[in-house]
Protein backbone atom coordinates (compact mmCIF):
# COMPACT_ATOMS: atom_id res chain seq x y z
CA MET A 1 73.19 117.44 87.07
CA GLU A 2 75.25 117.81 84.03
CA LYS A 3 76.81 120.90 85.30
CA PHE A 4 77.70 119.45 88.58
CA LEU A 5 79.41 116.82 86.70
CA GLN A 6 81.49 119.25 85.00
CA ILE A 7 82.13 121.06 87.95
CA ASN A 8 83.53 117.71 89.35
CA LEU A 9 85.36 116.84 85.97
CA ILE A 10 87.19 120.27 86.49
CA ILE A 11 87.91 119.26 90.02
CA HIS A 12 89.10 116.15 89.22
CA ILE A 13 91.73 117.29 86.58
CA ILE A 14 93.19 119.98 88.95
CA GLY A 15 93.45 117.52 91.57
CA GLY A 16 95.27 115.45 89.28
CA THR A 17 97.53 117.94 87.71
CA ILE A 18 98.30 119.25 91.26
CA ALA A 19 99.21 115.49 92.72
CA LEU A 20 101.22 115.05 89.34
CA GLY A 21 102.68 118.22 89.48
CA ILE A 22 103.76 118.22 92.91
CA ALA A 23 104.71 114.68 93.87
CA PRO A 24 108.14 114.89 92.12
CA VAL A 25 108.99 117.99 93.85
CA ALA A 26 108.42 116.85 97.23
CA LEU A 27 110.54 113.70 96.53
CA SER A 28 113.57 115.83 95.10
CA ILE A 29 113.92 118.09 98.18
CA SER A 30 115.25 117.11 101.66
CA LYS A 31 112.72 114.71 103.41
CA TRP A 32 113.41 116.44 106.88
CA SER A 33 112.57 120.06 105.54
CA LYS A 34 109.43 122.24 105.92
CA ALA A 35 108.93 122.67 102.18
CA HIS A 36 108.95 118.52 101.91
CA LYS A 37 105.99 118.52 104.54
CA VAL A 38 104.24 121.77 102.90
CA PHE A 39 104.94 119.97 99.31
CA GLY A 40 103.33 116.93 100.80
CA TRP A 41 100.12 118.65 102.36
CA VAL A 42 99.40 120.09 98.82
CA PHE A 43 100.03 116.39 97.05
CA PHE A 44 97.55 114.97 100.13
CA GLY A 45 94.95 117.94 98.85
CA GLY A 46 95.05 117.07 95.32
CA MET A 47 95.16 113.41 96.18
CA THR A 48 91.44 114.02 98.25
CA ALA A 49 90.22 116.26 95.63
CA ILE A 50 90.72 113.21 93.03
CA PHE A 51 89.29 110.62 95.46
CA ILE A 52 86.15 112.63 96.32
CA THR A 53 85.26 113.41 92.51
CA SER A 54 86.47 110.15 91.19
CA CYS A 55 83.61 108.45 93.35
CA ILE A 56 81.07 110.85 92.22
CA LEU A 57 82.23 110.66 88.21
CA SER A 58 82.78 106.51 88.23
CA TYR A 59 78.73 106.37 89.67
CA ALA A 60 77.79 109.04 87.36
CA ASN A 61 79.23 107.50 84.65
CA ASN A 62 79.25 103.83 85.53
CA ILE A 63 82.90 103.14 85.37
CA PRO A 64 83.65 101.22 88.58
CA PHE A 65 87.52 100.58 87.97
CA LEU A 66 87.78 104.88 88.33
CA PHE A 67 86.00 104.19 92.10
CA MET A 68 88.42 101.30 92.54
CA ILE A 69 91.50 103.20 91.71
CA GLY A 70 90.14 106.24 93.74
CA VAL A 71 89.80 103.68 96.54
CA PHE A 72 93.32 102.09 96.08
CA SER A 73 95.46 105.32 95.58
CA TYR A 74 93.64 107.63 98.65
CA TYR A 75 93.90 104.39 101.14
CA ALA A 76 98.01 104.47 100.16
CA VAL A 77 98.14 108.20 100.50
CA LEU A 78 96.19 108.33 103.90
CA SER A 79 98.11 105.42 105.37
CA GLY A 80 101.63 107.25 104.29
CA ILE A 81 100.38 110.24 106.44
CA ARG A 82 99.17 108.16 109.33
CA SER A 83 102.49 106.25 109.39
CA ILE A 84 103.99 109.55 110.42
CA GLN A 85 102.12 108.77 113.39
CA HIS A 86 103.93 105.35 114.09
CA LYS A 87 107.57 106.70 114.49
CA ASN A 88 107.68 105.34 118.22
CA ILE A 89 105.47 101.95 117.56
CA HIS A 90 108.08 99.83 118.09
CA SER A 91 108.17 100.94 121.81
CA LYS A 92 104.79 101.96 122.44
CA GLY A 93 102.67 99.35 120.54
CA LYS A 94 99.71 101.01 120.11
CA ILE A 95 97.58 101.81 117.05
CA GLY A 96 94.80 104.11 116.85
CA LYS A 97 91.11 103.43 115.84
CA LEU A 98 91.50 105.50 112.87
CA ASP A 99 94.21 102.97 111.15
CA TRP A 100 91.94 100.47 111.96
CA SER A 101 88.93 101.48 110.84
CA LEU A 102 90.93 102.56 107.55
CA ALA A 103 92.38 99.02 107.02
CA VAL A 104 89.07 97.35 107.35
CA ILE A 105 87.43 99.58 104.68
CA SER A 106 89.91 99.20 102.42
CA GLY A 107 90.01 95.38 103.00
CA ILE A 108 86.59 95.13 102.45
CA PHE A 109 86.94 97.21 99.14
CA ASN A 110 89.81 95.16 97.67
CA MET A 111 88.05 92.14 98.55
CA ALA A 112 85.24 93.47 96.66
CA PHE A 113 87.54 94.71 93.85
CA ILE A 114 88.99 90.98 93.95
CA ILE A 115 85.49 89.12 93.52
CA TYR A 116 84.46 91.72 90.96
CA GLY A 117 87.55 91.20 88.87
CA ILE A 118 87.32 87.34 88.93
CA ILE A 119 84.08 87.57 88.06
CA ASN A 120 84.77 89.66 84.93
CA LEU A 121 87.60 87.58 84.07
CA PRO A 122 89.30 86.98 81.18
CA ASN A 123 88.11 90.52 80.12
CA ALA A 124 90.75 93.32 80.64
CA LEU A 125 88.67 94.68 83.29
CA GLY A 126 88.59 91.28 85.03
CA ILE A 127 92.35 91.61 85.37
CA LEU A 128 92.86 94.93 85.82
CA ALA A 129 90.17 94.76 89.09
CA THR A 130 92.07 91.17 89.99
CA PHE A 131 95.53 93.07 89.66
CA PHE A 132 94.82 96.43 91.86
CA GLY A 133 92.57 94.53 94.69
CA LEU A 134 95.19 91.88 95.49
CA GLY A 135 97.90 95.08 95.33
CA GLY A 136 95.49 96.63 97.94
CA MET A 137 95.31 93.44 99.94
CA VAL A 138 98.82 93.25 100.38
CA MET A 139 98.98 96.94 101.76
CA VAL A 140 96.51 96.41 103.93
CA TYR A 141 98.12 93.21 104.90
CA THR A 142 101.35 94.44 105.63
CA ASN A 143 99.61 97.14 107.75
CA VAL A 144 97.40 95.00 109.94
CA VAL A 145 101.05 92.97 110.71
CA PHE A 146 102.75 95.87 111.77
CA PHE A 147 99.55 97.21 113.85
CA LEU A 148 99.76 93.68 115.35
CA LYS A 149 103.46 93.21 116.31
CA GLY A 150 105.16 96.36 115.57
CA SER A 151 108.64 96.97 114.58
CA GLN A 152 111.86 96.87 115.71
CA ASP A 153 113.12 98.70 113.15
CA LYS A 154 113.12 102.43 114.01
CA LYS A 155 113.22 103.39 110.33
CA TYR A 156 109.77 101.01 109.53
CA TRP A 157 107.74 104.16 109.71
CA TYR A 158 109.65 106.18 106.75
CA TYR A 159 109.68 103.23 104.57
CA THR A 160 105.92 102.84 104.99
CA HIS A 161 105.22 106.57 104.73
CA ALA A 162 107.52 106.68 101.35
CA ALA A 163 106.32 103.56 99.78
CA HIS A 164 102.56 104.60 100.22
CA MET A 165 102.68 107.93 99.46
CA ILE A 166 104.65 106.88 96.30
CA GLY A 167 101.96 104.19 95.49
CA GLY A 168 99.31 106.61 95.91
CA PHE A 169 101.42 108.89 92.74
CA ILE A 170 102.04 105.72 90.86
CA ALA A 171 98.15 105.05 90.72
CA THR A 172 97.71 108.51 89.81
CA VAL A 173 100.14 108.07 87.11
CA SER A 174 98.13 105.23 86.03
CA ALA A 175 95.01 106.99 85.69
CA PHE A 176 96.86 109.85 83.58
CA SER A 177 98.35 107.16 81.34
CA VAL A 178 94.76 106.07 80.45
CA GLN A 179 93.88 109.31 79.43
CA THR A 180 96.76 110.36 77.35
CA MET A 181 98.98 107.16 76.48
CA HIS A 182 96.55 105.52 73.88
CA PHE A 183 99.52 104.32 71.87
CA MET A 184 99.78 101.63 74.68
CA PRO A 185 97.81 98.48 74.50
CA GLY A 186 94.81 99.08 76.72
CA ILE A 187 96.09 96.81 79.94
CA LEU A 188 99.76 98.26 79.49
CA GLN A 189 97.98 101.74 79.76
CA TRP A 190 96.97 100.78 83.18
CA ILE A 191 99.91 98.85 84.70
CA TRP A 192 103.22 99.92 83.49
CA PRO A 193 103.37 102.38 85.99
CA THR A 194 103.02 99.99 88.74
CA LEU A 195 105.62 97.13 86.74
CA LEU A 196 108.04 100.29 86.63
CA GLY A 197 107.50 101.90 90.16
CA VAL A 198 107.17 98.53 92.71
CA PRO A 199 110.63 97.01 91.35
CA VAL A 200 112.45 100.77 92.35
CA LEU A 201 110.66 101.02 95.31
CA ILE A 202 111.99 97.71 96.84
CA MET A 203 115.30 98.40 95.65
CA TRP A 204 115.25 101.95 97.60
CA LYS A 205 113.99 100.21 100.52
CA LYS A 206 116.95 97.76 100.71
CA SER A 207 119.23 100.41 99.48
CA MET A 208 118.07 102.27 102.84
CA GLN A 209 118.12 99.50 105.13
CA ARG A 210 121.75 98.24 103.86
CA LYS A 211 123.02 102.09 104.84
CA GLU A 212 121.18 101.41 108.38
CA ARG A 213 122.71 98.37 109.19
CA ALA A 214 126.23 99.87 108.04
CA LYS A 215 125.24 102.71 110.75
CA LEU A 216 124.88 100.22 113.26
CA ALA A 217 127.77 98.25 112.48
């Protein structure tokens, strides 16, 4: 059992290294190039390794928050990948069972995280669980609204793809921060990537929407 866990830890570290190293490369090259797609799938592979091993390691070592981060980040990446299939959702209005299933499962887990967090307030773990649980529910909610109503914005899929893939990356940076940035207060180690990354994402989306409106004007 100990050897099995050691192997899982090694795979977890390798997956995290791949995700952390590949994401900036994928972001820096043309979003319509073959290279971007290749790097994107490599990033997804790294995130898959992180998710699977985090489930095993969190159970074996009784670290529930590691499991929470794993679910949060992997749903973000899965949702980002699936959004590519939604390019024409504004006209077709059809969402597959896979997307609904992922949203429902993620919603259940995030609700459990929120309840777990509230039970453990005001401890740091309770605050973090509530924080990430609410963030996950916001992501699920926006997806469900889109599934039900679609969008007239033809670039909605692109905004979702970028935001969710980067969201998964932010969660990975959070985990890396906790392992290395011990000079920060405990809670700040977890949330500084989110506090920094989310406003940047919001500004980026608004900038892209302004450019699209300018093209149509």
